PDB file of all heavy atoms in Angstrom:
ATOM      1  N   SER A   1       0.852  -1.188   0.000  1.00  0.00           N
ATOM      2  CA  SER A   1       0.000   0.000   0.000  1.00  0.00           C
ATOM      3  C   SER A   1       0.888   1.239   0.000  1.00  0.00           C
ATOM      4  O   SER A   1       1.972   1.249   0.566  1.00  0.00           O
ATOM      5  CB  SER A   1      -0.916  -0.002   1.223  1.00  0.00           C
ATOM      6  OG  SER A   1      -0.146   0.005   2.402  1.00  0.00           O
ATOM      7  N   HIS A   2       0.422   2.290  -0.652  1.00  0.00           N
ATOM      8  CA  HIS A   2       1.197   3.514  -0.774  1.00  0.00           C
ATOM      9  C   HIS A   2       1.160   4.304   0.521  1.00  0.00           C
ATOM     10  O   HIS A   2       0.180   4.263   1.270  1.00  0.00           O
ATOM     11  CB  HIS A   2       0.658   4.366  -1.920  1.00  0.00           C
ATOM     12  CG  HIS A   2       0.829   3.717  -3.253  1.00  0.00           C
ATOM     13  ND1 HIS A   2       2.041   3.655  -3.886  1.00  0.00           N
ATOM     14  CD2 HIS A   2      -0.042   3.078  -4.056  1.00  0.00           C
ATOM     15  CE1 HIS A   2       1.912   3.021  -5.035  1.00  0.00           C
ATOM     16  NE2 HIS A   2       0.644   2.652  -5.159  1.00  0.00           N
ATOM     17  N   ARG A   3       2.237   5.036   0.760  1.00  0.00           N
ATOM     18  CA  ARG A   3       2.313   5.885   1.947  1.00  0.00           C
ATOM     19  C   ARG A   3       1.389   7.080   1.790  1.00  0.00           C
ATOM     20  O   ARG A   3       1.191   7.581   0.691  1.00  0.00           O
ATOM     21  CB  ARG A   3       3.733   6.401   2.111  1.00  0.00           C
ATOM     22  CG  ARG A   3       4.712   5.355   2.487  1.00  0.00           C
ATOM     23  CD  ARG A   3       6.126   5.869   2.432  1.00  0.00           C
ATOM     24  NE  ARG A   3       6.341   6.955   3.371  1.00  0.00           N
ATOM     25  CZ  ARG A   3       7.505   7.552   3.529  1.00  0.00           C
ATOM     26  NH1 ARG A   3       8.544   7.198   2.813  1.00  0.00           N
ATOM     27  NH2 ARG A   3       7.634   8.525   4.391  1.00  0.00           N
ATOM     28  N   ASN A   4       0.864   7.525   2.913  1.00  0.00           N
ATOM     29  CA  ASN A   4       0.062   8.741   2.930  1.00  0.00           C
ATOM     30  C   ASN A   4       0.822   9.772   3.757  1.00  0.00           C
ATOM     31  O   ASN A   4       0.721   9.796   4.984  1.00  0.00           O
ATOM     32  CB  ASN A   4      -1.321   8.462   3.509  1.00  0.00           C
ATOM     33  CG  ASN A   4      -2.227   9.665   3.385  1.00  0.00           C
ATOM     34  OD1 ASN A   4      -1.820  10.720   2.935  1.00  0.00           O
ATOM     35  ND2 ASN A   4      -3.471   9.502   3.796  1.00  0.00           N
ATOM     36  N   ILE A   5       1.586  10.600   3.083  1.00  0.00           N
ATOM     37  CA  ILE A   5       2.441  11.586   3.748  1.00  0.00           C
ATOM     38  C   ILE A   5       1.622  12.546   4.609  1.00  0.00           C
ATOM     39  O   ILE A   5       2.079  12.976   5.656  1.00  0.00           O
ATOM     40  CB  ILE A   5       3.276  12.360   2.700  1.00  0.00           C
ATOM     41  CG1 ILE A   5       4.193  11.413   1.934  1.00  0.00           C
ATOM     42  CG2 ILE A   5       4.081  13.479   3.335  1.00  0.00           C
ATOM     43  CD1 ILE A   5       5.243  10.709   2.722  1.00  0.00           C
ATOM     44  N   THR A   6       0.408  12.857   4.192  1.00  0.00           N
ATOM     45  CA  THR A   6      -0.412  13.820   4.945  1.00  0.00           C
ATOM     46  C   THR A   6      -0.723  13.332   6.350  1.00  0.00           C
ATOM     47  O   THR A   6      -0.880  14.139   7.262  1.00  0.00           O
ATOM     48  CB  THR A   6      -1.729  14.125   4.209  1.00  0.00           C
ATOM     49  OG1 THR A   6      -2.456  12.911   4.016  1.00  0.00           O
ATOM     50  CG2 THR A   6      -1.476  14.786   2.884  1.00  0.00           C
ATOM     51  N   THR A   7      -0.793  12.024   6.560  1.00  0.00           N
ATOM     52  CA  THR A   7      -1.114  11.503   7.892  1.00  0.00           C
ATOM     53  C   THR A   7       0.113  11.091   8.692  1.00  0.00           C
ATOM     54  O   THR A   7       0.008  10.828   9.883  1.00  0.00           O
ATOM     55  CB  THR A   7      -2.057  10.280   7.786  1.00  0.00           C
ATOM     56  OG1 THR A   7      -1.402   9.259   7.014  1.00  0.00           O
ATOM     57  CG2 THR A   7      -3.368  10.660   7.131  1.00  0.00           C
ATOM     58  N   GLU A   8       1.268  11.047   8.054  1.00  0.00           N
ATOM     59  CA  GLU A   8       2.491  10.648   8.754  1.00  0.00           C
ATOM     60  C   GLU A   8       2.983  11.770   9.667  1.00  0.00           C
ATOM     61  O   GLU A   8       2.808  12.947   9.370  1.00  0.00           O
ATOM     62  CB  GLU A   8       3.606  10.304   7.763  1.00  0.00           C
ATOM     63  CG  GLU A   8       3.412   8.992   7.081  1.00  0.00           C
ATOM     64  CD  GLU A   8       4.605   8.595   6.236  1.00  0.00           C
ATOM     65  OE1 GLU A   8       5.725   9.129   6.452  1.00  0.00           O
ATOM     66  OE2 GLU A   8       4.429   7.745   5.356  1.00  0.00           O
ATOM     67  N   THR A   9       3.623  11.365  10.751  1.00  0.00           N
ATOM     68  CA  THR A   9       4.242  12.359  11.629  1.00  0.00           C
ATOM     69  C   THR A   9       5.548  12.821  11.007  1.00  0.00           C
ATOM     70  O   THR A   9       6.221  12.070  10.306  1.00  0.00           O
ATOM     71  CB  THR A   9       4.515  11.785  13.037  1.00  0.00           C
ATOM     72  OG1 THR A   9       5.337  10.630  12.909  1.00  0.00           O
ATOM     73  CG2 THR A   9       3.232  11.423  13.747  1.00  0.00           C
ATOM     74  N   VAL A  10       5.907  14.045  11.279  1.00  0.00           N
ATOM     75  CA  VAL A  10       7.102  14.657  10.713  1.00  0.00           C
ATOM     76  C   VAL A  10       8.338  14.158  11.457  1.00  0.00           C
ATOM     77  O   VAL A  10       8.387  14.191  12.686  1.00  0.00           O
ATOM     78  CB  VAL A  10       7.001  16.194  10.805  1.00  0.00           C
ATOM     79  CG1 VAL A  10       8.269  16.856  10.341  1.00  0.00           C
ATOM     80  CG2 VAL A  10       5.814  16.684  10.009  1.00  0.00           C
ATOM     81  N   ALA A  11       9.332  13.692  10.706  1.00  0.00           N
ATOM     82  CA  ALA A  11      10.577  13.223  11.310  1.00  0.00           C
ATOM     83  C   ALA A  11      11.522  14.391  11.587  1.00  0.00           C
ATOM     84  O   ALA A  11      12.244  14.386  12.587  1.00  0.00           O
ATOM     85  CB  ALA A  11      11.250  12.202  10.402  1.00  0.00           C
ATOM     86  N   PHE A  12      11.528  15.393  10.705  1.00  0.00           N
ATOM     87  CA  PHE A  12      12.400  16.560  10.847  1.00  0.00           C
ATOM     88  C   PHE A  12      11.639  17.803  10.427  1.00  0.00           C
ATOM     89  O   PHE A  12      10.846  17.760   9.492  1.00  0.00           O
ATOM     90  CB  PHE A  12      13.646  16.429   9.958  1.00  0.00           C
ATOM     91  CG  PHE A  12      14.482  15.221  10.271  1.00  0.00           C
ATOM     92  CD1 PHE A  12      14.360  14.072   9.508  1.00  0.00           C
ATOM     93  CD2 PHE A  12      15.386  15.233  11.315  1.00  0.00           C
ATOM     94  CE1 PHE A  12      15.125  12.949   9.781  1.00  0.00           C
ATOM     95  CE2 PHE A  12      16.162  14.119  11.600  1.00  0.00           C
ATOM     96  CZ  PHE A  12      16.031  12.976  10.835  1.00  0.00           C
ATOM     97  N   SER A  13      11.919  18.916  11.107  1.00  0.00           N
ATOM     98  CA  SER A  13      11.313  20.190  10.758  1.00  0.00           C
ATOM     99  C   SER A  13      12.394  21.264  10.809  1.00  0.00           C
ATOM    100  O   SER A  13      12.939  21.539  11.882  1.00  0.00           O
ATOM    101  CB  SER A  13      10.172  20.527  11.712  1.00  0.00           C
ATOM    102  OG  SER A  13       9.577  21.742  11.342  1.00  0.00           O
ATOM    103  N   LEU A  14      12.715  21.849   9.651  1.00  0.00           N
ATOM    104  CA  LEU A  14      13.734  22.895   9.586  1.00  0.00           C
ATOM    105  C   LEU A  14      13.548  23.718   8.320  1.00  0.00           C
ATOM    106  O   LEU A  14      12.840  23.313   7.404  1.00  0.00           O
ATOM    107  CB  LEU A  14      15.138  22.304   9.656  1.00  0.00           C
ATOM    108  CG  LEU A  14      15.607  21.322   8.606  1.00  0.00           C
ATOM    109  CD1 LEU A  14      17.118  21.169   8.738  1.00  0.00           C
ATOM    110  CD2 LEU A  14      15.000  19.961   8.779  1.00  0.00           C
ATOM    111  N   SER A  15      14.184  24.878   8.311  1.00  0.00           N
ATOM    112  CA  SER A  15      14.023  25.766   7.157  1.00  0.00           C
ATOM    113  C   SER A  15      14.748  25.198   5.944  1.00  0.00           C
ATOM    114  O   SER A  15      15.655  24.368   6.075  1.00  0.00           O
ATOM    115  CB  SER A  15      14.556  27.163   7.480  1.00  0.00           C
ATOM    116  OG  SER A  15      15.966  27.156   7.475  1.00  0.00           O
ATOM    117  N   ALA A  16      14.366  25.681   4.779  1.00  0.00           N
ATOM    118  CA  ALA A  16      14.998  25.234   3.538  1.00  0.00           C
ATOM    119  C   ALA A  16      16.484  25.580   3.540  1.00  0.00           C
ATOM    120  O   ALA A  16      17.318  24.791   3.094  1.00  0.00           O
ATOM    121  CB  ALA A  16      14.297  25.874   2.341  1.00  0.00           C
ATOM    122  N   ILE A  17      16.827  26.725   4.079  1.00  0.00           N
ATOM    123  CA  ILE A  17      18.229  27.151   4.127  1.00  0.00           C
ATOM    124  C   ILE A  17      19.030  26.266   5.088  1.00  0.00           C
ATOM    125  O   ILE A  17      20.150  25.852   4.772  1.00  0.00           O
ATOM    126  CB  ILE A  17      18.327  28.643   4.512  1.00  0.00           C
ATOM    127  CG1 ILE A  17      17.738  29.481   3.373  1.00  0.00           C
ATOM    128  CG2 ILE A  17      19.763  29.043   4.802  1.00  0.00           C
ATOM    129  CD1 ILE A  17      17.588  30.950   3.674  1.00  0.00           C
ATOM    130  N   GLN A  18      18.459  25.941   6.254  1.00  0.00           N
ATOM    131  CA  GLN A  18      19.145  25.051   7.203  1.00  0.00           C
ATOM    132  C   GLN A  18      19.359  23.670   6.596  1.00  0.00           C
ATOM    133  O   GLN A  18      20.434  23.081   6.726  1.00  0.00           O
ATOM    134  CB  GLN A  18      18.335  24.905   8.495  1.00  0.00           C
ATOM    135  CG  GLN A  18      18.297  26.125   9.357  1.00  0.00           C
ATOM    136  CD  GLN A  18      17.284  25.967  10.492  1.00  0.00           C
ATOM    137  OE1 GLN A  18      16.219  25.392  10.307  1.00  0.00           O
ATOM    138  NE2 GLN A  18      17.627  26.498  11.653  1.00  0.00           N
ATOM    139  N   LEU A  19      18.339  23.165   5.941  1.00  0.00           N
ATOM    140  CA  LEU A  19      18.417  21.851   5.305  1.00  0.00           C
ATOM    141  C   LEU A  19      19.512  21.846   4.234  1.00  0.00           C
ATOM    142  O   LEU A  19      20.344  20.935   4.183  1.00  0.00           O
ATOM    143  CB  LEU A  19      17.055  21.491   4.696  1.00  0.00           C
ATOM    144  CG  LEU A  19      16.856  20.092   4.151  1.00  0.00           C
ATOM    145  CD1 LEU A  19      17.051  19.047   5.238  1.00  0.00           C
ATOM    146  CD2 LEU A  19      15.461  19.956   3.552  1.00  0.00           C
ATOM    147  N   HIS A  20      19.541  22.874   3.413  1.00  0.00           N
ATOM    148  CA  HIS A  20      20.560  22.977   2.370  1.00  0.00           C
ATOM    149  C   HIS A  20      21.960  23.087   2.969  1.00  0.00           C
ATOM    150  O   HIS A  20      22.907  22.466   2.480  1.00  0.00           O
ATOM    151  CB  HIS A  20      20.264  24.176   1.469  1.00  0.00           C
ATOM    152  CG  HIS A  20      21.163  24.262   0.292  1.00  0.00           C
ATOM    153  ND1 HIS A  20      22.296  25.045   0.301  1.00  0.00           N
ATOM    154  CD2 HIS A  20      21.119  23.643  -0.920  1.00  0.00           C
ATOM    155  CE1 HIS A  20      22.903  24.918  -0.864  1.00  0.00           C
ATOM    156  NE2 HIS A  20      22.209  24.080  -1.617  1.00  0.00           N
ATOM    157  N   ARG A  21      22.100  23.858   4.027  1.00  0.00           N
ATOM    158  CA  ARG A  21      23.396  24.032   4.692  1.00  0.00           C
ATOM    159  C   ARG A  21      23.932  22.689   5.196  1.00  0.00           C
ATOM    160  O   ARG A  21      25.123  22.401   5.071  1.00  0.00           O
ATOM    161  CB  ARG A  21      23.258  25.023   5.843  1.00  0.00           C
ATOM    162  CG  ARG A  21      24.588  25.540   6.360  1.00  0.00           C
ATOM    163  CD  ARG A  21      24.417  26.628   7.408  1.00  0.00           C
ATOM    164  NE  ARG A  21      23.714  27.771   6.841  1.00  0.00           N
ATOM    165  CZ  ARG A  21      22.735  28.440   7.462  1.00  0.00           C
ATOM    166  NH1 ARG A  21      22.337  28.085   8.655  1.00  0.00           N
ATOM    167  NH2 ARG A  21      22.154  29.450   6.885  1.00  0.00           N
ATOM    168  N   GLU A  22      23.059  21.863   5.751  1.00  0.00           N
ATOM    169  CA  GLU A  22      23.478  20.540   6.222  1.00  0.00           C
ATOM    170  C   GLU A  22      24.047  19.709   5.075  1.00  0.00           C
ATOM    171  O   GLU A  22      25.050  19.026   5.234  1.00  0.00           O
ATOM    172  CB  GLU A  22      22.308  19.787   6.864  1.00  0.00           C
ATOM    173  CG  GLU A  22      21.989  20.240   8.255  1.00  0.00           C
ATOM    174  CD  GLU A  22      21.031  19.298   8.961  1.00  0.00           C
ATOM    175  OE1 GLU A  22      21.103  18.079   8.730  1.00  0.00           O
ATOM    176  OE2 GLU A  22      20.208  19.794   9.747  1.00  0.00           O
ATOM    177  N   PHE A  23      23.412  19.771   3.922  1.00  0.00           N
ATOM    178  CA  PHE A  23      23.873  18.988   2.779  1.00  0.00           C
ATOM    179  C   PHE A  23      25.163  19.530   2.188  1.00  0.00           C
ATOM    180  O   PHE A  23      25.958  18.777   1.647  1.00  0.00           O
ATOM    181  CB  PHE A  23      22.780  18.890   1.708  1.00  0.00           C
ATOM    182  CG  PHE A  23      21.808  17.809   2.011  1.00  0.00           C
ATOM    183  CD1 PHE A  23      20.726  18.051   2.836  1.00  0.00           C
ATOM    184  CD2 PHE A  23      21.983  16.535   1.507  1.00  0.00           C
ATOM    185  CE1 PHE A  23      19.826  17.054   3.140  1.00  0.00           C
ATOM    186  CE2 PHE A  23      21.099  15.529   1.803  1.00  0.00           C
ATOM    187  CZ  PHE A  23      20.018  15.780   2.625  1.00  0.00           C
ATOM    188  N   MET A  24      25.382  20.810   2.277  1.00  0.00           N
ATOM    189  CA  MET A  24      26.628  21.374   1.775  1.00  0.00           C
ATOM    190  C   MET A  24      27.801  20.955   2.666  1.00  0.00           C
ATOM    191  O   MET A  24      28.920  20.816   2.193  1.00  0.00           O
ATOM    192  CB  MET A  24      26.540  22.902   1.690  1.00  0.00           C
ATOM    193  CG  MET A  24      25.519  23.382   0.668  1.00  0.00           C
ATOM    194  SD  MET A  24      25.650  22.611  -0.966  1.00  0.00           S
ATOM    195  CE  MET A  24      27.213  23.224  -1.507  1.00  0.00           C
ATOM    196  N   ASN A  25      27.543  20.724   3.947  1.00  0.00           N
ATOM    197  CA  ASN A  25      28.594  20.285   4.871  1.00  0.00           C
ATOM    198  C   ASN A  25      28.948  18.816   4.675  1.00  0.00           C
ATOM    199  O   ASN A  25      30.118  18.453   4.671  1.00  0.00           O
ATOM    200  CB  ASN A  25      28.188  20.532   6.328  1.00  0.00           C
ATOM    201  CG  ASN A  25      28.153  22.002   6.661  1.00  0.00           C
ATOM    202  OD1 ASN A  25      28.838  22.808   6.034  1.00  0.00           O
ATOM    203  ND2 ASN A  25      27.342  22.368   7.630  1.00  0.00           N
ATOM    204  N   ASP A  26      27.930  17.949   4.560  1.00  0.00           N
ATOM    205  CA  ASP A  26      28.177  16.506   4.411  1.00  0.00           C
ATOM    206  C   ASP A  26      26.971  15.867   3.731  1.00  0.00           C
ATOM    207  O   ASP A  26      26.075  15.355   4.400  1.00  0.00           O
ATOM    208  CB  ASP A  26      28.437  15.872   5.775  1.00  0.00           C
ATOM    209  CG  ASP A  26      28.880  14.423   5.683  1.00  0.00           C
ATOM    210  OD1 ASP A  26      29.035  13.916   4.552  1.00  0.00           O
ATOM    211  OD2 ASP A  26      29.082  13.795   6.734  1.00  0.00           O
TER     212      ASP A  26
END
């Protein structure tokens, strides 16, 4: 069965800039 993202709990919550910064580091 397919996932329903709308009902799933959020694993991480952060700004787009913070998320991008993490990826630029590692």
